């Protein structure tokens, strides 16, 4: 499937297709924003994938009603988790994740700056996250060539990816207009 380029510079995808190819996502020096409109029903149980691109994973935890963004491998990662109850089930929710394109790495003294490379927005509002890591984060130059979104029981209305960081005003305006 070839995604369509919109006038605002984003890529948009048919909700019937669940994967697509990317040249890069979350590579050092390559800023990006991933946006989704999803419906997370109350009948969903466990942890479900919302979006993944190689070493970049966004998951929904139905028990705690929150999101987890994990960047890296099983043994070397940084992780950001939104507060418990930050997602309300049985309603359409807009989620946007921004990545500044800045360096993540393995220096223990710089872990806090690695978290600052990512921001999670739910319904236009920036989330305060709990951050953790293993082996001080992940350092890679080009992590994503393929991506997928969705999981059983999750409805995805639209997905968009920008090769730039969207600002708080643009994200909130998109939410208020019902768009990405």
C-alpha atoms as a PDB file:
ATOM      1  CA  UNK A   1       0.000   0.000   0.000  1.00  0.00           C
ATOM      2  CA  UNK A   2       1.271   3.487  -0.799  1.00  0.00           C
ATOM      3  CA  UNK A   3       0.101   6.125   1.674  1.00  0.00           C
ATOM      4  CA  UNK A   4      -1.378   9.329   0.329  1.00  0.00           C
ATOM      5  CA  UNK A   5       0.458  12.605   0.976  1.00  0.00           C
ATOM      6  CA  UNK A   6      -1.885  15.301   2.266  1.00  0.00           C
ATOM      7  CA  UNK A   7      -1.603  19.053   1.838  1.00  0.00           C
ATOM      8  CA  UNK A   8      -0.297  19.520   5.378  1.00  0.00           C
ATOM      9  CA  UNK A   9       2.652  17.189   4.782  1.00  0.00           C
ATOM     10  CA  UNK A  10       1.356  14.172   6.688  1.00  0.00           C
ATOM     11  CA  UNK A  11       0.926  10.665   5.363  1.00  0.00           C
ATOM     12  CA  UNK A  12      -2.509   9.118   5.797  1.00  0.00           C
ATOM     13  CA  UNK A  13      -3.539   5.486   5.537  1.00  0.00           C
ATOM     14  CA  UNK A  14      -6.653   3.457   4.859  1.00  0.00           C
ATOM     15  CA  UNK A  15      -8.064   1.955   8.074  1.00  0.00           C
ATOM     16  CA  UNK A  16      -8.422  -1.371   6.242  1.00  0.00           C
ATOM     17  CA  UNK A  17      -4.658  -1.773   5.898  1.00  0.00           C
ATOM     18  CA  UNK A  18      -2.667  -2.422   9.039  1.00  0.00           C
ATOM     19  CA  UNK A  19       0.942  -1.983   7.937  1.00  0.00           C
ATOM     20  CA  UNK A  20       3.051   0.253   5.747  1.00  0.00           C
ATOM     21  CA  UNK A  21       6.674   0.969   4.914  1.00  0.00           C
ATOM     22  CA  UNK A  22       8.635   3.924   6.206  1.00  0.00           C
ATOM     23  CA  UNK A  23      12.033   5.180   5.199  1.00  0.00           C
ATOM     24  CA  UNK A  24      12.784   6.019   8.828  1.00  0.00           C
ATOM     25  CA  UNK A  25      11.026   6.905  12.049  1.00  0.00           C
ATOM     26  CA  UNK A  26      12.661   7.959  15.318  1.00  0.00           C
ATOM     27  CA  UNK A  27      16.098   8.118  13.736  1.00  0.00           C
ATOM     28  CA  UNK A  28      18.535  10.579  15.214  1.00  0.00           C
ATOM     29  CA  UNK A  29      18.117  13.863  13.360  1.00  0.00           C
ATOM     30  CA  UNK A  30      14.716  12.835  11.947  1.00  0.00           C
ATOM     31  CA  UNK A  31      11.908  14.420  13.953  1.00  0.00           C
ATOM     32  CA  UNK A  32       8.422  12.965  13.639  1.00  0.00           C
ATOM     33  CA  UNK A  33       4.863  12.943  14.910  1.00  0.00           C
ATOM     34  CA  UNK A  34       2.642   9.852  14.856  1.00  0.00           C
ATOM     35  CA  UNK A  35      -1.089  10.502  15.317  1.00  0.00           C
ATOM     36  CA  UNK A  36      -3.999   8.079  15.748  1.00  0.00           C
ATOM     37  CA  UNK A  37      -7.739   8.225  16.320  1.00  0.00           C
ATOM     38  CA  UNK A  38      -8.615   5.012  18.164  1.00  0.00           C
ATOM     39  CA  UNK A  39     -11.634   3.504  19.887  1.00  0.00           C
ATOM     40  CA  UNK A  40     -10.624   1.428  22.892  1.00  0.00           C
ATOM     41  CA  UNK A  41     -13.668  -0.535  24.005  1.00  0.00           C
ATOM     42  CA  UNK A  42     -14.288  -1.564  27.619  1.00  0.00           C
ATOM     43  CA  UNK A  43     -14.196  -5.222  26.503  1.00  0.00           C
ATOM     44  CA  UNK A  44     -10.496  -5.034  25.638  1.00  0.00           C
ATOM     45  CA  UNK A  45      -8.311  -6.866  28.129  1.00  0.00           C
ATOM     46  CA  UNK A  46      -4.583  -6.898  28.725  1.00  0.00           C
ATOM     47  CA  UNK A  47      -1.946  -4.921  26.857  1.00  0.00           C
ATOM     48  CA  UNK A  48      -2.656  -4.133  23.188  1.00  0.00           C
ATOM     49  CA  UNK A  49      -0.417  -2.715  20.487  1.00  0.00           C
ATOM     50  CA  UNK A  50      -1.570   0.617  19.047  1.00  0.00           C
ATOM     51  CA  UNK A  51       1.456   1.387  16.887  1.00  0.00           C
ATOM     52  CA  UNK A  52       4.840  -0.194  16.337  1.00  0.00           C
ATOM     53  CA  UNK A  53       7.770   0.570  14.082  1.00  0.00           C
ATOM     54  CA  UNK A  54      10.649  -1.826  14.729  1.00  0.00           C
ATOM     55  CA  UNK A  55      12.059  -0.551  18.047  1.00  0.00           C
ATOM     56  CA  UNK A  56       9.318   2.028  18.693  1.00  0.00           C
ATOM     57  CA  UNK A  57       6.157   0.649  20.353  1.00  0.00           C
ATOM     58  CA  UNK A  58       3.017   2.371  21.666  1.00  0.00           C
ATOM     59  CA  UNK A  59       0.756   0.133  23.766  1.00  0.00           C
ATOM     60  CA  UNK A  60      -2.552   0.460  25.631  1.00  0.00           C
ATOM     61  CA  UNK A  61      -2.885  -1.179  29.063  1.00  0.00           C
ATOM     62  CA  UNK A  62      -6.610  -1.840  29.579  1.00  0.00           C
ATOM     63  CA  UNK A  63      -6.277  -2.646  33.291  1.00  0.00           C
ATOM     64  CA  UNK A  64      -4.575   0.633  34.171  1.00  0.00           C
ATOM     65  CA  UNK A  65      -6.149   2.595  31.274  1.00  0.00           C
ATOM     66  CA  UNK A  66      -2.871   4.156  30.218  1.00  0.00           C
ATOM     67  CA  UNK A  67      -0.319   4.224  27.397  1.00  0.00           C
ATOM     68  CA  UNK A  68       3.257   2.990  27.297  1.00  0.00           C
ATOM     69  CA  UNK A  69       5.801   4.209  24.752  1.00  0.00           C
ATOM     70  CA  UNK A  70       8.882   2.021  24.588  1.00  0.00           C
ATOM     71  CA  UNK A  71      11.879   2.866  22.408  1.00  0.00           C
ATOM     72  CA  UNK A  72      14.675   0.292  22.060  1.00  0.00           C
ATOM     73  CA  UNK A  73      15.177  -3.448  22.365  1.00  0.00           C
ATOM     74  CA  UNK A  74      14.052  -5.899  25.075  1.00  0.00           C
ATOM     75  CA  UNK A  75      17.329  -5.312  26.935  1.00  0.00           C
ATOM     76  CA  UNK A  76      18.196  -1.688  26.135  1.00  0.00           C
ATOM     77  CA  UNK A  77      15.348   0.873  26.165  1.00  0.00           C
ATOM     78  CA  UNK A  78      13.748   4.048  27.430  1.00  0.00           C
ATOM     79  CA  UNK A  79      10.088   3.923  28.380  1.00  0.00           C
ATOM     80  CA  UNK A  80       7.449   6.588  29.024  1.00  0.00           C
ATOM     81  CA  UNK A  81       4.129   5.684  30.699  1.00  0.00           C
ATOM     82  CA  UNK A  82       1.092   7.971  30.981  1.00  0.00           C
ATOM     83  CA  UNK A  83      -0.796   8.198  34.292  1.00  0.00           C
ATOM     84  CA  UNK A  84      -3.314   5.529  35.309  1.00  0.00           C
ATOM     85  CA  UNK A  85      -6.795   6.377  33.932  1.00  0.00           C
ATOM     86  CA  UNK A  86      -5.373   8.755  31.296  1.00  0.00           C
ATOM     87  CA  UNK A  87      -7.390   6.817  28.673  1.00  0.00           C
ATOM     88  CA  UNK A  88     -11.156   6.503  28.991  1.00  0.00           C
ATOM     89  CA  UNK A  89     -12.570   3.348  27.350  1.00  0.00           C
ATOM     90  CA  UNK A  90     -15.655   3.301  25.110  1.00  0.00           C
ATOM     91  CA  UNK A  91     -14.850   6.613  23.454  1.00  0.00           C
ATOM     92  CA  UNK A  92     -12.840   7.780  20.455  1.00  0.00           C
ATOM     93  CA  UNK A  93      -9.429   9.023  21.573  1.00  0.00           C
ATOM     94  CA  UNK A  94      -6.825  11.031  19.694  1.00  0.00           C
ATOM     95  CA  UNK A  95      -3.234  10.052  20.493  1.00  0.00           C
ATOM     96  CA  UNK A  96      -0.183  11.866  19.187  1.00  0.00           C
ATOM     97  CA  UNK A  97       3.448  11.036  19.923  1.00  0.00           C
ATOM     98  CA  UNK A  98       6.236  13.417  18.971  1.00  0.00           C
ATOM     99  CA  UNK A  99       9.948  12.689  18.659  1.00  0.00           C
ATOM    100  CA  UNK A 100      12.361  15.623  18.358  1.00  0.00           C
ATOM    101  CA  UNK A 101      14.979  13.683  16.412  1.00  0.00           C
ATOM    102  CA  UNK A 102      17.478  14.252  19.201  1.00  0.00           C
ATOM    103  CA  UNK A 103      20.009  11.729  20.363  1.00  0.00           C
ATOM    104  CA  UNK A 104      19.118   8.879  22.654  1.00  0.00           C
ATOM    105  CA  UNK A 105      22.015   6.898  23.952  1.00  0.00           C
ATOM    106  CA  UNK A 106      23.793   4.887  26.592  1.00  0.00           C
ATOM    107  CA  UNK A 107      25.305   7.544  28.899  1.00  0.00           C
ATOM    108  CA  UNK A 108      23.842   7.160  32.403  1.00  0.00           C
ATOM    109  CA  UNK A 109      24.241  10.876  33.132  1.00  0.00           C
ATOM    110  CA  UNK A 110      22.075  11.789  30.129  1.00  0.00           C
ATOM    111  CA  UNK A 111      19.085   9.475  30.590  1.00  0.00           C
ATOM    112  CA  UNK A 112      16.757  12.338  31.563  1.00  0.00           C
ATOM    113  CA  UNK A 113      17.516  14.104  28.274  1.00  0.00           C
ATOM    114  CA  UNK A 114      16.652  10.938  26.336  1.00  0.00           C
ATOM    115  CA  UNK A 115      13.097  10.993  27.745  1.00  0.00           C
ATOM    116  CA  UNK A 116      12.712  14.612  26.670  1.00  0.00           C
ATOM    117  CA  UNK A 117      13.021  13.536  23.028  1.00  0.00           C
ATOM    118  CA  UNK A 118       9.456  12.125  23.219  1.00  0.00           C
ATOM    119  CA  UNK A 119       6.078  13.613  24.195  1.00  0.00           C
ATOM    120  CA  UNK A 120       2.706  11.864  24.381  1.00  0.00           C
ATOM    121  CA  UNK A 121      -0.543  13.789  23.834  1.00  0.00           C
ATOM    122  CA  UNK A 122      -4.002  12.408  24.593  1.00  0.00           C
ATOM    123  CA  UNK A 123      -6.948  14.380  23.204  1.00  0.00           C
ATOM    124  CA  UNK A 124      -4.688  17.369  22.597  1.00  0.00           C
ATOM    125  CA  UNK A 125      -3.200  17.467  26.111  1.00  0.00           C
ATOM    126  CA  UNK A 126       0.479  16.789  26.811  1.00  0.00           C
ATOM    127  CA  UNK A 127       0.842  13.962  29.331  1.00  0.00           C
ATOM    128  CA  UNK A 128       3.147  13.888  32.329  1.00  0.00           C
ATOM    129  CA  UNK A 129       4.877  10.528  32.100  1.00  0.00           C
ATOM    130  CA  UNK A 130       6.641   8.133  34.432  1.00  0.00           C
ATOM    131  CA  UNK A 131       9.981   7.286  32.867  1.00  0.00           C
ATOM    132  CA  UNK A 132      12.204   4.240  33.186  1.00  0.00           C
ATOM    133  CA  UNK A 133      15.070   2.616  31.335  1.00  0.00           C
ATOM    134  CA  UNK A 134      17.251  -0.460  31.033  1.00  0.00           C
ATOM    135  CA  UNK A 135      20.953  -0.148  30.197  1.00  0.00           C
ATOM    136  CA  UNK A 136      20.523   3.639  29.993  1.00  0.00           C
ATOM    137  CA  UNK A 137      18.480   3.804  26.797  1.00  0.00           C
ATOM    138  CA  UNK A 138      19.008   2.980  23.165  1.00  0.00           C
ATOM    139  CA  UNK A 139      21.354   4.420  20.553  1.00  0.00           C
ATOM    140  CA  UNK A 140      20.711   3.699  16.889  1.00  0.00           C
ATOM    141  CA  UNK A 141      20.831   5.684  13.673  1.00  0.00           C
ATOM    142  CA  UNK A 142      17.894   4.252  11.702  1.00  0.00           C
ATOM    143  CA  UNK A 143      15.375   2.134  13.565  1.00  0.00           C
ATOM    144  CA  UNK A 144      12.234   1.880  11.465  1.00  0.00           C
ATOM    145  CA  UNK A 145      11.638   0.624   7.978  1.00  0.00           C
ATOM    146  CA  UNK A 146       8.221  -0.974   8.548  1.00  0.00           C
ATOM    147  CA  UNK A 147       5.377  -0.136  10.876  1.00  0.00           C
ATOM    148  CA  UNK A 148       2.015  -1.523  11.925  1.00  0.00           C
ATOM    149  CA  UNK A 149      -0.914  -0.305  13.950  1.00  0.00           C
ATOM    150  CA  UNK A 150      -3.896  -1.801  15.688  1.00  0.00           C
ATOM    151  CA  UNK A 151      -4.715  -4.921  17.630  1.00  0.00           C
ATOM    152  CA  UNK A 152      -7.726  -7.178  18.053  1.00  0.00           C
ATOM    153  CA  UNK A 153     -10.636  -5.235  19.513  1.00  0.00           C
ATOM    154  CA  UNK A 154      -9.199  -1.791  18.759  1.00  0.00           C
ATOM    155  CA  UNK A 155     -10.829   0.365  16.099  1.00  0.00           C
ATOM    156  CA  UNK A 156      -8.517   2.758  14.272  1.00  0.00           C
ATOM    157  CA  UNK A 157     -10.230   5.524  12.306  1.00  0.00           C
ATOM    158  CA  UNK A 158      -7.133   7.253  10.999  1.00  0.00           C
ATOM    159  CA  UNK A 159      -3.353   7.348  11.248  1.00  0.00           C
ATOM    160  CA  UNK A 160      -1.021  10.135  10.160  1.00  0.00           C
ATOM    161  CA  UNK A 161       2.745  10.549  10.298  1.00  0.00           C
ATOM    162  CA  UNK A 162       4.627  13.812   9.913  1.00  0.00           C
ATOM    163  CA  UNK A 163       8.350  14.175   9.398  1.00  0.00           C
ATOM    164  CA  UNK A 164       8.301  17.053  11.889  1.00  0.00           C
ATOM    165  CA  UNK A 165       7.353  17.678  15.495  1.00  0.00           C
ATOM    166  CA  UNK A 166       3.869  19.151  15.729  1.00  0.00           C
ATOM    167  CA  UNK A 167       3.556  21.821  18.396  1.00  0.00           C
ATOM    168  CA  UNK A 168       1.051  21.864  21.275  1.00  0.00           C
ATOM    169  CA  UNK A 169      -1.188  24.410  19.514  1.00  0.00           C
ATOM    170  CA  UNK A 170      -1.350  22.380  16.298  1.00  0.00           C
ATOM    171  CA  UNK A 171      -2.097  19.177  18.200  1.00  0.00           C
ATOM    172  CA  UNK A 172      -4.847  20.806  20.293  1.00  0.00           C
ATOM    173  CA  UNK A 173      -6.391  22.494  17.233  1.00  0.00           C
ATOM    174  CA  UNK A 174      -6.417  19.154  15.400  1.00  0.00           C
ATOM    175  CA  UNK A 175      -8.155  17.494  18.342  1.00  0.00           C
ATOM    176  CA  UNK A 176     -10.754  20.275  18.657  1.00  0.00           C
ATOM    177  CA  UNK A 177     -11.516  20.016  14.924  1.00  0.00           C
ATOM    178  CA  UNK A 178     -11.844  16.216  15.085  1.00  0.00           C
ATOM    179  CA  UNK A 179      -8.941  15.773  12.692  1.00  0.00           C
ATOM    180  CA  UNK A 180      -5.338  14.631  12.935  1.00  0.00           C
END
